[in-house]
Amino acid sequence: MSISAIPHINFANGQARPALEFYKSVFDGDLLFHTYQDFGMPADAPDADRVVFGQVTTADGFVLMGYDIPGVQEPDFGKPGSTRRANGTTLTEQPMFVSLRIGSLEEATTLFERLTASGTVVEDLASSNWSPGFGIVTDRFGVTWLINVHEE
């Protein structure tokens, strides 16, 4: 059996395009997206210019997908729940994180710094019992990333 998991992030209130452009720059990837109009929605429909399919792909095979949830959501919809560290434990209201296993501390440091641009550091990138580098950041789009160095 061959399985691969690809994070697919659902963005509220038209945030998919700026988020995917941000991730393109963070991961040095290629960006592909299609709007609802591209798939047949009339051009004058309210969500026609929003992203129905978006994907960032890197040269080494990392893939991240996202799209705009149709319609207008409440102002707080899609806002990140709080994530914080207390007494050595991660406390959160979020249903999931994106965990990245990275081959070197240098690469991890670069990605961590890029993801923190206008984001919130939950736990600084530092050595841990299981890794030469582990950190947690919630980016400006409300996605929480666990950065974990896994040197082989």
C-alpha atoms as a PDB file:
ATOM      1  CA  MET A   1       0.000   0.000   0.000  1.00  0.00           C
ATOM      2  CA  SER A   2       1.266   3.471  -0.834  1.00  0.00           C
ATOM      3  CA  ILE A   3      -0.206   6.403   1.101  1.00  0.00           C
ATOM      4  CA  SER A   4       0.788  10.020   1.403  1.00  0.00           C
ATOM      5  CA  ALA A   5      -0.985  12.683   3.417  1.00  0.00           C
ATOM      6  CA  ILE A   6      -1.267  16.211   2.069  1.00  0.00           C
ATOM      7  CA  PRO A   7      -2.388  19.041   4.357  1.00  0.00           C
ATOM      8  CA  HIS A   8      -5.468  20.726   2.849  1.00  0.00           C
ATOM      9  CA  ILE A   9      -6.271  23.975   4.621  1.00  0.00           C
ATOM     10  CA  ASN A  10      -9.729  25.551   4.396  1.00  0.00           C
ATOM     11  CA  PHE A  11      -9.602  29.349   4.505  1.00  0.00           C
ATOM     12  CA  ALA A  12     -12.427  31.665   5.505  1.00  0.00           C
ATOM     13  CA  ASN A  13     -13.396  34.958   3.908  1.00  0.00           C
ATOM     14  CA  GLY A  14     -11.170  34.815   0.824  1.00  0.00           C
ATOM     15  CA  GLN A  15      -7.838  34.221   2.569  1.00  0.00           C
ATOM     16  CA  ALA A  16      -6.677  31.254   0.419  1.00  0.00           C
ATOM     17  CA  ARG A  17      -4.910  33.297  -2.261  1.00  0.00           C
ATOM     18  CA  PRO A  18      -2.780  35.415   0.125  1.00  0.00           C
ATOM     19  CA  ALA A  19      -2.108  32.366   2.315  1.00  0.00           C
ATOM     20  CA  LEU A  20      -0.982  30.203  -0.594  1.00  0.00           C
ATOM     21  CA  GLU A  21       1.197  33.025  -1.929  1.00  0.00           C
ATOM     22  CA  PHE A  22       2.750  33.274   1.553  1.00  0.00           C
ATOM     23  CA  TYR A  23       3.377  29.495   1.683  1.00  0.00           C
ATOM     24  CA  LYS A  24       4.901  29.631  -1.801  1.00  0.00           C
ATOM     25  CA  SER A  25       7.482  32.072  -0.451  1.00  0.00           C
ATOM     26  CA  VAL A  26       8.008  30.172   2.829  1.00  0.00           C
ATOM     27  CA  PHE A  27       8.651  26.824   1.139  1.00  0.00           C
ATOM     28  CA  ASP A  28      10.217  28.100  -2.117  1.00  0.00           C
ATOM     29  CA  GLY A  29       7.540  26.243  -4.035  1.00  0.00           C
ATOM     30  CA  ASP A  30       5.467  26.527  -7.173  1.00  0.00           C
ATOM     31  CA  LEU A  31       1.906  27.794  -6.845  1.00  0.00           C
ATOM     32  CA  LEU A  32      -1.041  26.537  -8.838  1.00  0.00           C
ATOM     33  CA  PHE A  33      -4.591  27.650  -8.211  1.00  0.00           C
ATOM     34  CA  HIS A  34      -7.962  27.771  -9.915  1.00  0.00           C
ATOM     35  CA  THR A  35     -10.912  29.960  -9.029  1.00  0.00           C
ATOM     36  CA  TYR A  36     -14.555  28.983  -8.826  1.00  0.00           C
ATOM     37  CA  GLN A  37     -15.013  30.882 -12.096  1.00  0.00           C
ATOM     38  CA  ASP A  38     -12.367  28.686 -13.742  1.00  0.00           C
ATOM     39  CA  PHE A  39     -14.569  25.705 -12.892  1.00  0.00           C
ATOM     40  CA  GLY A  40     -17.749  27.211 -14.312  1.00  0.00           C
ATOM     41  CA  MET A  41     -19.171  29.612 -11.739  1.00  0.00           C
ATOM     42  CA  PRO A  42     -20.577  32.734 -13.426  1.00  0.00           C
ATOM     43  CA  ALA A  43     -18.099  35.628 -13.292  1.00  0.00           C
ATOM     44  CA  ASP A  44     -20.607  37.871 -11.513  1.00  0.00           C
ATOM     45  CA  ALA A  45     -21.277  35.368  -8.696  1.00  0.00           C
ATOM     46  CA  PRO A  46     -20.015  36.547  -5.273  1.00  0.00           C
ATOM     47  CA  ASP A  47     -17.277  33.901  -4.845  1.00  0.00           C
ATOM     48  CA  ALA A  48     -16.231  33.542  -8.499  1.00  0.00           C
ATOM     49  CA  ASP A  49     -12.743  34.968  -7.994  1.00  0.00           C
ATOM     50  CA  ARG A  50     -11.992  32.903  -4.878  1.00  0.00           C
ATOM     51  CA  VAL A  51      -9.771  29.825  -4.863  1.00  0.00           C
ATOM     52  CA  VAL A  52     -11.491  26.466  -5.294  1.00  0.00           C
ATOM     53  CA  PHE A  53      -8.234  24.549  -5.811  1.00  0.00           C
ATOM     54  CA  GLY A  54      -4.838  25.742  -4.667  1.00  0.00           C
ATOM     55  CA  GLN A  55      -1.583  23.900  -4.306  1.00  0.00           C
ATOM     56  CA  VAL A  56       2.009  24.694  -3.397  1.00  0.00           C
ATOM     57  CA  THR A  57       4.570  22.083  -4.471  1.00  0.00           C
ATOM     58  CA  THR A  58       8.284  22.136  -3.725  1.00  0.00           C
ATOM     59  CA  ALA A  59      11.117  20.640  -5.748  1.00  0.00           C
ATOM     60  CA  ASP A  60      11.623  17.933  -3.103  1.00  0.00           C
ATOM     61  CA  GLY A  61       7.965  16.835  -3.192  1.00  0.00           C
ATOM     62  CA  PHE A  62       6.334  18.693  -0.286  1.00  0.00           C
ATOM     63  CA  VAL A  63       2.717  19.525  -1.178  1.00  0.00           C
ATOM     64  CA  LEU A  64       0.279  21.820   0.608  1.00  0.00           C
ATOM     65  CA  MET A  65      -3.266  22.446  -0.596  1.00  0.00           C
ATOM     66  CA  GLY A  66      -5.901  25.036   0.261  1.00  0.00           C
ATOM     67  CA  TYR A  67      -9.138  26.615  -0.844  1.00  0.00           C
ATOM     68  CA  ASP A  68     -11.651  29.308   0.060  1.00  0.00           C
ATOM     69  CA  ILE A  69     -14.741  28.144   1.904  1.00  0.00           C
ATOM     70  CA  PRO A  70     -17.633  29.546  -0.163  1.00  0.00           C
ATOM     71  CA  GLY A  71     -19.827  32.264   1.263  1.00  0.00           C
ATOM     72  CA  VAL A  72     -19.269  34.838   3.957  1.00  0.00           C
ATOM     73  CA  GLN A  73     -18.396  33.534   7.396  1.00  0.00           C
ATOM     74  CA  GLU A  74     -18.868  35.218  10.735  1.00  0.00           C
ATOM     75  CA  PRO A  75     -16.008  37.598  11.592  1.00  0.00           C
ATOM     76  CA  ASP A  76     -14.470  35.110  14.047  1.00  0.00           C
ATOM     77  CA  PHE A  77     -14.856  32.065  11.763  1.00  0.00           C
ATOM     78  CA  GLY A  78     -11.483  30.581  10.933  1.00  0.00           C
ATOM     79  CA  LYS A  79      -9.611  32.670  13.487  1.00  0.00           C
ATOM     80  CA  PRO A  80      -7.035  30.615  15.295  1.00  0.00           C
ATOM     81  CA  GLY A  81      -7.965  29.194  18.620  1.00  0.00           C
ATOM     82  CA  SER A  82      -5.406  29.957  21.237  1.00  0.00           C
ATOM     83  CA  THR A  83      -2.352  27.733  21.373  1.00  0.00           C
ATOM     84  CA  ARG A  84       0.125  28.181  24.191  1.00  0.00           C
ATOM     85  CA  ARG A  85       2.641  26.328  26.300  1.00  0.00           C
ATOM     86  CA  ALA A  86       2.159  25.849  30.031  1.00  0.00           C
ATOM     87  CA  ASN A  87       4.030  23.533  32.381  1.00  0.00           C
ATOM     88  CA  GLY A  88       5.719  21.728  29.482  1.00  0.00           C
ATOM     89  CA  THR A  89       2.410  21.023  27.749  1.00  0.00           C
ATOM     90  CA  THR A  90       0.835  22.449  24.598  1.00  0.00           C
ATOM     91  CA  LEU A  91      -2.686  23.737  25.300  1.00  0.00           C
ATOM     92  CA  THR A  92      -4.891  24.524  22.309  1.00  0.00           C
ATOM     93  CA  GLU A  93      -8.399  25.006  20.962  1.00  0.00           C
ATOM     94  CA  GLN A  94      -7.346  24.034  17.424  1.00  0.00           C
ATOM     95  CA  PRO A  95      -8.489  20.717  15.972  1.00  0.00           C
ATOM     96  CA  MET A  96      -5.147  20.045  14.258  1.00  0.00           C
ATOM     97  CA  PHE A  97      -1.593  21.252  13.601  1.00  0.00           C
ATOM     98  CA  VAL A  98       0.669  20.750  10.587  1.00  0.00           C
ATOM     99  CA  SER A  99       3.806  18.924  11.705  1.00  0.00           C
ATOM    100  CA  LEU A 100       6.945  19.189   9.581  1.00  0.00           C
ATOM    101  CA  ARG A 101       9.904  16.793   9.887  1.00  0.00           C
ATOM    102  CA  ILE A 102      12.928  18.641   8.577  1.00  0.00           C
ATOM    103  CA  GLY A 103      16.344  17.168   7.777  1.00  0.00           C
ATOM    104  CA  SER A 104      18.583  19.781   9.383  1.00  0.00           C
ATOM    105  CA  LEU A 105      18.552  22.470  12.032  1.00  0.00           C
ATOM    106  CA  GLU A 106      19.596  25.032   9.409  1.00  0.00           C
ATOM    107  CA  GLU A 107      16.569  24.265   7.214  1.00  0.00           C
ATOM    108  CA  ALA A 108      14.277  24.192  10.254  1.00  0.00           C
ATOM    109  CA  THR A 109      15.529  27.588  11.413  1.00  0.00           C
ATOM    110  CA  THR A 110      14.882  29.113   7.993  1.00  0.00           C
ATOM    111  CA  LEU A 111      11.311  27.754   7.798  1.00  0.00           C
ATOM    112  CA  PHE A 112      10.561  28.696  11.404  1.00  0.00           C
ATOM    113  CA  GLU A 113      11.686  32.282  10.809  1.00  0.00           C
ATOM    114  CA  ARG A 114       9.665  32.544   7.599  1.00  0.00           C
ATOM    115  CA  LEU A 115       6.497  31.150   9.206  1.00  0.00           C
ATOM    116  CA  THR A 116       6.767  33.565  12.136  1.00  0.00           C
ATOM    117  CA  ALA A 117       6.511  36.638   9.853  1.00  0.00           C
ATOM    118  CA  SER A 118       3.484  38.408  11.367  1.00  0.00           C
ATOM    119  CA  GLY A 119       2.703  35.203  13.232  1.00  0.00           C
ATOM    120  CA  THR A 120       2.979  34.100  16.854  1.00  0.00           C
ATOM    121  CA  VAL A 121       5.757  31.989  18.312  1.00  0.00           C
ATOM    122  CA  VAL A 122       4.196  29.434  20.642  1.00  0.00           C
ATOM    123  CA  GLU A 123       7.477  27.726  21.524  1.00  0.00           C
ATOM    124  CA  ASP A 124      10.896  28.909  20.397  1.00  0.00           C
ATOM    125  CA  LEU A 125      12.864  26.616  18.124  1.00  0.00           C
ATOM    126  CA  ALA A 126      15.330  24.897  20.449  1.00  0.00           C
ATOM    127  CA  SER A 127      16.874  21.557  21.302  1.00  0.00           C
ATOM    128  CA  SER A 128      14.542  19.052  22.967  1.00  0.00           C
ATOM    129  CA  ASN A 129      14.799  15.522  24.372  1.00  0.00           C
ATOM    130  CA  TRP A 130      13.822  14.055  20.991  1.00  0.00           C
ATOM    131  CA  SER A 131      15.238  16.537  18.515  1.00  0.00           C
ATOM    132  CA  PRO A 132      18.091  18.966  17.921  1.00  0.00           C
ATOM    133  CA  GLY A 133      15.398  21.499  17.036  1.00  0.00           C
ATOM    134  CA  PHE A 134      11.706  21.705  17.912  1.00  0.00           C
ATOM    135  CA  GLY A 135       9.412  24.720  17.858  1.00  0.00           C
ATOM    136  CA  ILE A 136       5.789  25.750  17.392  1.00  0.00           C
ATOM    137  CA  VAL A 137       4.478  28.774  15.515  1.00  0.00           C
ATOM    138  CA  THR A 138       0.989  29.948  14.541  1.00  0.00           C
ATOM    139  CA  ASP A 139       1.273  31.826  11.258  1.00  0.00           C
ATOM    140  CA  ARG A 140      -0.645  34.967  10.326  1.00  0.00           C
ATOM    141  CA  PHE A 141      -3.388  32.854   8.713  1.00  0.00           C
ATOM    142  CA  GLY A 142      -4.069  30.934  11.921  1.00  0.00           C
ATOM    143  CA  VAL A 143      -2.316  27.684  10.968  1.00  0.00           C
ATOM    144  CA  THR A 144      -0.144  26.190  13.714  1.00  0.00           C
ATOM    145  CA  TRP A 145       3.051  24.487  12.572  1.00  0.00           C
ATOM    146  CA  LEU A 146       5.196  22.083  14.591  1.00  0.00           C
ATOM    147  CA  ILE A 147       8.767  22.247  13.340  1.00  0.00           C
ATOM    148  CA  ASN A 148      10.764  19.143  14.220  1.00  0.00           C
ATOM    149  CA  VAL A 149      14.336  18.389  13.114  1.00  0.00           C
ATOM    150  CA  HIS A 150      14.746  14.741  12.242  1.00  0.00           C
ATOM    151  CA  GLU A 151      18.358  14.133  11.294  1.00  0.00           C
ATOM    152  CA  GLU A 152      19.187  10.684  10.004  1.00  0.00           C
END
